[in-house]
Amino acid sequence: MSARLLPLAAMEKILKQCGADRVSDKAKVALKSVVEEKADEIAIRAIKYANHAGRKTVKAGDIKLAARE
């Protein structure tokens, strides 16, 4: 959909904060792919909610509502 902006270092940090001692490069890339895909899905739904409400601005509530689906 758009340019990918999430750094691999952030993926490693997430995995380590969740208890991983070591993280492979392939694991970082896999998590990045999944997170970006899910973020795209949430963003698309949030934009639809904002448009439905007659707004051009996507608000936090739109994101939270879209993430629940």
Protein backbone atom coordinates (compact mmCIF):
# COMPACT_ATOMS: atom_id res chain seq x y z
CA MET A 1 0.00 0.00 0.00
CA SER A 2 2.48 2.67 1.14
CA ALA A 3 6.18 2.95 1.85
CA ARG A 4 7.27 0.71 4.71
CA LEU A 5 8.51 2.74 7.62
CA LEU A 6 8.91 0.37 10.56
CA PRO A 7 12.56 -0.31 11.36
CA LEU A 8 13.83 -3.82 12.06
CA ALA A 9 15.39 -2.58 15.29
CA ALA A 10 11.90 -1.80 16.59
CA MET A 11 10.80 -5.36 15.80
CA GLU A 12 13.76 -6.74 17.73
CA LYS A 13 12.97 -4.46 20.66
CA ILE A 14 9.35 -5.67 20.75
CA LEU A 15 10.40 -9.30 20.71
CA LYS A 16 13.00 -8.78 23.42
CA GLN A 17 10.55 -6.87 25.61
CA CYS A 18 8.24 -9.87 25.31
CA GLY A 19 10.97 -12.18 26.60
CA ALA A 20 13.09 -13.31 23.65
CA ASP A 21 16.77 -13.72 24.51
CA ARG A 22 17.89 -13.68 20.89
CA VAL A 23 16.09 -12.71 17.68
CA SER A 24 16.99 -13.84 14.16
CA ASP A 25 16.95 -11.46 11.22
CA LYS A 26 14.22 -13.57 9.59
CA ALA A 27 12.06 -13.24 12.73
CA LYS A 28 12.42 -9.45 12.64
CA VAL A 29 11.43 -9.33 8.97
CA ALA A 30 8.48 -11.68 9.56
CA LEU A 31 7.14 -9.62 12.48
CA LYS A 32 7.61 -6.41 10.49
CA SER A 33 5.62 -7.84 7.60
CA VAL A 34 2.74 -8.97 9.82
CA VAL A 35 2.61 -5.71 11.79
CA GLU A 36 2.65 -3.57 8.64
CA GLU A 37 -0.07 -5.68 7.01
CA LYS A 38 -2.29 -5.41 10.10
CA ALA A 39 -1.59 -1.65 10.35
CA ASP A 40 -2.67 -1.20 6.73
CA GLU A 41 -5.93 -3.05 7.41
CA ILE A 42 -6.64 -0.96 10.50
CA ALA A 43 -5.79 2.30 8.71
CA ILE A 44 -8.12 1.52 5.81
CA ARG A 45 -11.01 0.75 8.17
CA ALA A 46 -10.29 3.86 10.28
CA ILE A 47 -10.37 6.06 7.18
CA LYS A 48 -13.73 4.58 6.24
CA TYR A 49 -15.07 5.36 9.73
CA ALA A 50 -13.84 8.96 9.53
CA ASN A 51 -15.38 9.40 6.07
CA HIS A 52 -18.64 7.88 7.25
CA ALA A 53 -18.71 10.42 10.09
CA GLY A 54 -18.23 13.21 7.55
CA ARG A 55 -14.66 13.97 8.62
CA LYS A 56 -11.42 14.17 6.69
CA THR A 57 -9.43 13.78 9.91
CA VAL A 58 -8.85 10.29 11.26
CA LYS A 59 -9.12 10.37 15.04
CA ALA A 60 -7.88 8.03 17.75
CA GLY A 61 -11.40 6.71 18.23
CA ASP A 62 -11.50 5.64 14.57
CA ILE A 63 -8.27 3.71 15.03
CA LYS A 64 -9.50 2.05 18.23
CA LEU A 65 -12.79 1.10 16.62
CA ALA A 66 -11.07 -0.27 13.52
CA ALA A 67 -8.61 -2.29 15.63
CA ARG A 68 -11.46 -4.06 17.44
CA GLU A 69 -12.61 -5.79 14.24
